[in-house]
Amino acid sequence: MNLIHKNFRKFCLRLHLWLGLLSDIVVFIVCITGCLYAFKDEFNDATQPWKFVSPEPSPY
C-alpha cells in the first residue's frame, strides 16, 4: 500500500507541475496580447509617422 501511495503522489505532483506550466503559458499570452491591445494607439503612432503632418505657414 505504501508503494502505491508514493507512486500516486509522484504522479499527482508531476501532473500538477505540467498543468501549472501549461496554464502559465496561456496566462502569459493573454497578458501580452492584452497589453498590446491596451497600448495599440501608442504603437500605431510610433510605427506610422506618415499619419502626422506638420502645418505649413499661411501665405496671408
Protein backbone atom coordinates (compact mmCIF):
# COMPACT_ATOMS: atom_id res chain seq x y z
CA MET A 1 0.00 0.00 0.00
CA ASN A 2 2.86 2.36 0.78
CA LEU A 3 4.49 1.90 -2.66
CA ILE A 4 1.19 2.59 -4.45
CA HIS A 5 0.71 5.71 -2.35
CA LYS A 6 4.20 7.01 -3.22
CA ASN A 7 3.75 6.36 -6.93
CA PHE A 8 0.34 8.05 -6.95
CA ARG A 9 1.75 11.02 -5.05
CA LYS A 10 4.64 11.33 -7.52
CA PHE A 11 2.18 11.14 -10.43
CA CYS A 12 -0.03 13.85 -8.90
CA LEU A 13 2.96 16.13 -8.31
CA ARG A 14 4.17 15.75 -11.89
CA LEU A 15 0.65 16.29 -13.23
CA HIS A 16 0.30 19.41 -11.10
CA LEU A 17 3.65 20.71 -12.36
CA TRP A 18 2.86 20.26 -16.05
CA LEU A 19 -0.69 21.55 -15.83
CA GLY A 20 0.60 24.60 -13.98
CA LEU A 21 3.26 25.26 -16.61
CA LEU A 22 0.74 24.92 -19.44
CA SER A 23 -1.74 27.24 -17.77
CA ASP A 24 1.04 29.77 -17.12
CA ILE A 25 1.80 29.85 -20.84
CA VAL A 26 -1.86 30.61 -21.58
CA VAL A 27 -1.96 33.37 -18.94
CA PHE A 28 1.28 34.86 -20.30
CA ILE A 29 -0.10 35.00 -23.85
CA VAL A 30 -3.35 36.59 -22.66
CA CYS A 31 -1.41 39.21 -20.67
CA ILE A 32 0.90 40.11 -23.56
CA THR A 33 -1.92 40.42 -26.10
CA GLY A 34 -3.99 42.46 -23.64
CA CYS A 35 -1.08 44.83 -23.12
CA LEU A 36 -0.61 45.20 -26.87
CA TYR A 37 -4.32 45.90 -27.30
CA ALA A 38 -4.38 48.44 -24.46
CA PHE A 39 -1.49 50.41 -25.97
CA LYS A 40 -2.42 49.93 -29.63
CA ASP A 41 -2.85 53.68 -30.25
CA GLU A 42 0.63 54.41 -28.92
CA PHE A 43 2.12 51.60 -31.02
CA ASN A 44 0.32 52.89 -34.12
CA ASP A 45 1.60 56.42 -33.51
CA ALA A 46 5.16 55.17 -33.09
CA THR A 47 5.13 52.89 -36.14
CA GLN A 48 3.17 55.10 -38.58
CA PRO A 49 4.84 58.52 -38.66
CA TRP A 50 3.33 59.34 -42.06
CA LYS A 51 -0.03 59.96 -40.33
CA PHE A 52 1.27 63.18 -38.76
CA VAL A 53 1.64 66.24 -40.97
CA SER A 54 3.17 69.47 -39.74
CA PRO A 55 1.14 72.58 -40.64
CA GLU A 56 2.57 74.90 -43.27
CA PRO A 57 2.63 78.62 -42.65
CA SER A 58 -0.16 80.57 -44.31
CA PRO A 59 0.94 82.97 -47.09
CA TYR A 60 -1.56 85.63 -45.87
